[in-house]
Amino acid sequence: MTKRNRWLASAVAAGVAAISIAIGISVAYAQDMRTIRDRVSRSSQVIQSRDGLIEFTIWGSGRAVLVAHGAGGGYDQGGLIAKAYGGDGFRWIVPSRFG
């Protein structure tokens, strides 16, 4: 085998390996995202308002507290904030922001 053919064979093998890795990562990413969406969607409700759909979660009992989280995330991010800084004795209402 000539030097040129060895180089070409190595390049082809590296390309095939790179494609295989990329496919594996894509499949793993899709599975992870499906798992995350399933986990997150189990704890929310969706209602129709005059302005469109609103996704939210409610838990606890007591005085109602509306949690408005920052940019990015959704009701799940607001829920993490409420659990980290809130406490028992409240009814937490955590909507996803529009957009």
C-alpha atoms as a PDB file:
ATOM      1  CA  MET A   1       0.000   0.000   0.000  1.00  0.00           C
ATOM      2  CA  THR A   2       1.408   3.368  -0.971  1.00  0.00           C
ATOM      3  CA  LYS A   3       1.772   6.264   1.407  1.00  0.00           C
ATOM      4  CA  ARG A   4      -1.040   8.094  -0.382  1.00  0.00           C
ATOM      5  CA  ASN A   5      -3.402   5.107  -0.051  1.00  0.00           C
ATOM      6  CA  ARG A   6      -2.596   4.728   3.657  1.00  0.00           C
ATOM      7  CA  TRP A   7      -3.344   8.420   4.169  1.00  0.00           C
ATOM      8  CA  LEU A   8      -6.626   8.115   2.257  1.00  0.00           C
ATOM      9  CA  ALA A   9      -7.645   4.991   4.213  1.00  0.00           C
ATOM     10  CA  SER A  10      -6.857   6.775   7.492  1.00  0.00           C
ATOM     11  CA  ALA A  11      -8.869   9.809   6.435  1.00  0.00           C
ATOM     12  CA  VAL A  12     -11.870   7.650   5.483  1.00  0.00           C
ATOM     13  CA  ALA A  13     -11.642   5.725   8.773  1.00  0.00           C
ATOM     14  CA  ALA A  14     -11.495   8.989  10.750  1.00  0.00           C
ATOM     15  CA  GLY A  15     -14.507  10.319   8.840  1.00  0.00           C
ATOM     16  CA  VAL A  16     -16.538   7.183   9.505  1.00  0.00           C
ATOM     17  CA  ALA A  17     -15.589   7.327  13.194  1.00  0.00           C
ATOM     18  CA  ALA A  18     -16.594  11.000  13.411  1.00  0.00           C
ATOM     19  CA  ILE A  19     -19.950  10.319  11.757  1.00  0.00           C
ATOM     20  CA  SER A  20     -20.583   7.363  14.087  1.00  0.00           C
ATOM     21  CA  ILE A  21     -19.827   9.509  17.136  1.00  0.00           C
ATOM     22  CA  ALA A  22     -22.060  12.328  15.870  1.00  0.00           C
ATOM     23  CA  ILE A  23     -24.959   9.914  15.301  1.00  0.00           C
ATOM     24  CA  GLY A  24     -24.473   8.425  18.765  1.00  0.00           C
ATOM     25  CA  ILE A  25     -24.487  11.862  20.379  1.00  0.00           C
ATOM     26  CA  SER A  26     -27.602  12.886  18.421  1.00  0.00           C
ATOM     27  CA  VAL A  27     -29.489   9.758  19.483  1.00  0.00           C
ATOM     28  CA  ALA A  28     -28.433  10.173  23.133  1.00  0.00           C
ATOM     29  CA  TYR A  29     -29.413  13.868  23.071  1.00  0.00           C
ATOM     30  CA  ALA A  30     -32.847  13.090  21.627  1.00  0.00           C
ATOM     31  CA  GLN A  31     -33.435  10.408  24.280  1.00  0.00           C
ATOM     32  CA  ASP A  32     -32.333  12.752  27.079  1.00  0.00           C
ATOM     33  CA  MET A  33     -34.605  15.540  25.842  1.00  0.00           C
ATOM     34  CA  ARG A  34     -37.560  13.139  25.595  1.00  0.00           C
ATOM     35  CA  THR A  35     -36.949  11.978  29.173  1.00  0.00           C
ATOM     36  CA  ILE A  36     -36.706  15.570  30.443  1.00  0.00           C
ATOM     37  CA  ARG A  37     -39.880  16.659  28.607  1.00  0.00           C
ATOM     38  CA  ASP A  38     -41.781  13.671  29.986  1.00  0.00           C
ATOM     39  CA  ARG A  39     -40.611  14.375  33.552  1.00  0.00           C
ATOM     40  CA  VAL A  40     -41.397  18.088  33.372  1.00  0.00           C
ATOM     41  CA  SER A  41     -44.785  17.722  31.685  1.00  0.00           C
ATOM     42  CA  ARG A  42     -46.091  15.324  34.351  1.00  0.00           C
ATOM     43  CA  SER A  43     -46.223  18.052  36.991  1.00  0.00           C
ATOM     44  CA  SER A  44     -47.951  20.804  35.017  1.00  0.00           C
ATOM     45  CA  GLN A  45     -51.420  21.728  33.886  1.00  0.00           C
ATOM     46  CA  VAL A  46     -52.426  23.717  30.813  1.00  0.00           C
ATOM     47  CA  ILE A  47     -55.492  25.948  30.603  1.00  0.00           C
ATOM     48  CA  GLN A  48     -56.900  28.050  27.780  1.00  0.00           C
ATOM     49  CA  SER A  49     -57.103  31.771  28.505  1.00  0.00           C
ATOM     50  CA  ARG A  50     -58.417  34.494  26.245  1.00  0.00           C
ATOM     51  CA  ASP A  51     -54.789  35.192  25.329  1.00  0.00           C
ATOM     52  CA  GLY A  52     -53.774  31.603  24.631  1.00  0.00           C
ATOM     53  CA  LEU A  53     -52.561  28.559  26.525  1.00  0.00           C
ATOM     54  CA  ILE A  54     -51.042  28.951  29.995  1.00  0.00           C
ATOM     55  CA  GLU A  55     -48.939  26.199  31.549  1.00  0.00           C
ATOM     56  CA  PHE A  56     -48.592  26.204  35.326  1.00  0.00           C
ATOM     57  CA  THR A  57     -48.251  24.135  38.454  1.00  0.00           C
ATOM     58  CA  ILE A  58     -49.839  24.521  41.888  1.00  0.00           C
ATOM     59  CA  TRP A  59     -48.953  22.799  45.137  1.00  0.00           C
ATOM     60  CA  GLY A  60     -49.235  23.304  48.863  1.00  0.00           C
ATOM     61  CA  SER A  61     -51.972  24.833  50.976  1.00  0.00           C
ATOM     62  CA  GLY A  62     -52.407  28.133  52.744  1.00  0.00           C
ATOM     63  CA  ARG A  63     -52.112  31.674  51.457  1.00  0.00           C
ATOM     64  CA  ALA A  64     -51.533  31.833  47.714  1.00  0.00           C
ATOM     65  CA  VAL A  65     -48.137  32.968  46.433  1.00  0.00           C
ATOM     66  CA  LEU A  66     -47.634  33.686  42.732  1.00  0.00           C
ATOM     67  CA  VAL A  67     -44.062  32.998  41.612  1.00  0.00           C
ATOM     68  CA  ALA A  68     -42.855  35.024  38.623  1.00  0.00           C
ATOM     69  CA  HIS A  69     -39.495  33.651  37.530  1.00  0.00           C
ATOM     70  CA  GLY A  70     -36.942  35.471  35.407  1.00  0.00           C
ATOM     71  CA  ALA A  71     -36.236  35.147  31.728  1.00  0.00           C
ATOM     72  CA  GLY A  72     -35.760  31.664  30.382  1.00  0.00           C
ATOM     73  CA  GLY A  73     -37.110  28.474  31.825  1.00  0.00           C
ATOM     74  CA  GLY A  74     -40.725  27.857  32.645  1.00  0.00           C
ATOM     75  CA  TYR A  75     -42.935  26.816  35.523  1.00  0.00           C
ATOM     76  CA  ASP A  76     -40.278  24.240  36.425  1.00  0.00           C
ATOM     77  CA  GLN A  77     -37.697  26.991  36.987  1.00  0.00           C
ATOM     78  CA  GLY A  78     -40.160  28.980  39.101  1.00  0.00           C
ATOM     79  CA  GLY A  79     -40.930  25.819  41.070  1.00  0.00           C
ATOM     80  CA  LEU A  80     -37.247  25.353  41.877  1.00  0.00           C
ATOM     81  CA  ILE A  81     -37.072  28.951  43.104  1.00  0.00           C
ATOM     82  CA  ALA A  82     -40.168  28.514  45.280  1.00  0.00           C
ATOM     83  CA  LYS A  83     -38.852  25.272  46.778  1.00  0.00           C
ATOM     84  CA  ALA A  84     -35.430  26.792  47.458  1.00  0.00           C
ATOM     85  CA  TYR A  85     -36.630  30.034  49.058  1.00  0.00           C
ATOM     86  CA  GLY A  86     -40.198  29.303  50.089  1.00  0.00           C
ATOM     87  CA  GLY A  87     -41.593  27.041  52.684  1.00  0.00           C
ATOM     88  CA  ASP A  88     -44.573  25.074  53.840  1.00  0.00           C
ATOM     89  CA  GLY A  89     -47.836  26.761  54.683  1.00  0.00           C
ATOM     90  CA  PHE A  90     -48.360  28.391  51.285  1.00  0.00           C
ATOM     91  CA  ARG A  91     -50.179  27.485  48.089  1.00  0.00           C
ATOM     92  CA  TRP A  92     -47.590  28.032  45.368  1.00  0.00           C
ATOM     93  CA  ILE A  93     -48.864  29.087  41.923  1.00  0.00           C
ATOM     94  CA  VAL A  94     -46.109  28.970  39.317  1.00  0.00           C
ATOM     95  CA  PRO A  95     -46.949  29.759  35.686  1.00  0.00           C
ATOM     96  CA  SER A  96     -44.642  29.575  32.693  1.00  0.00           C
ATOM     97  CA  ARG A  97     -44.054  32.976  31.200  1.00  0.00           C
ATOM     98  CA  PHE A  98     -45.340  33.694  27.730  1.00  0.00           C
ATOM     99  CA  GLY A  99     -43.074  33.557  24.726  1.00  0.00           C
END
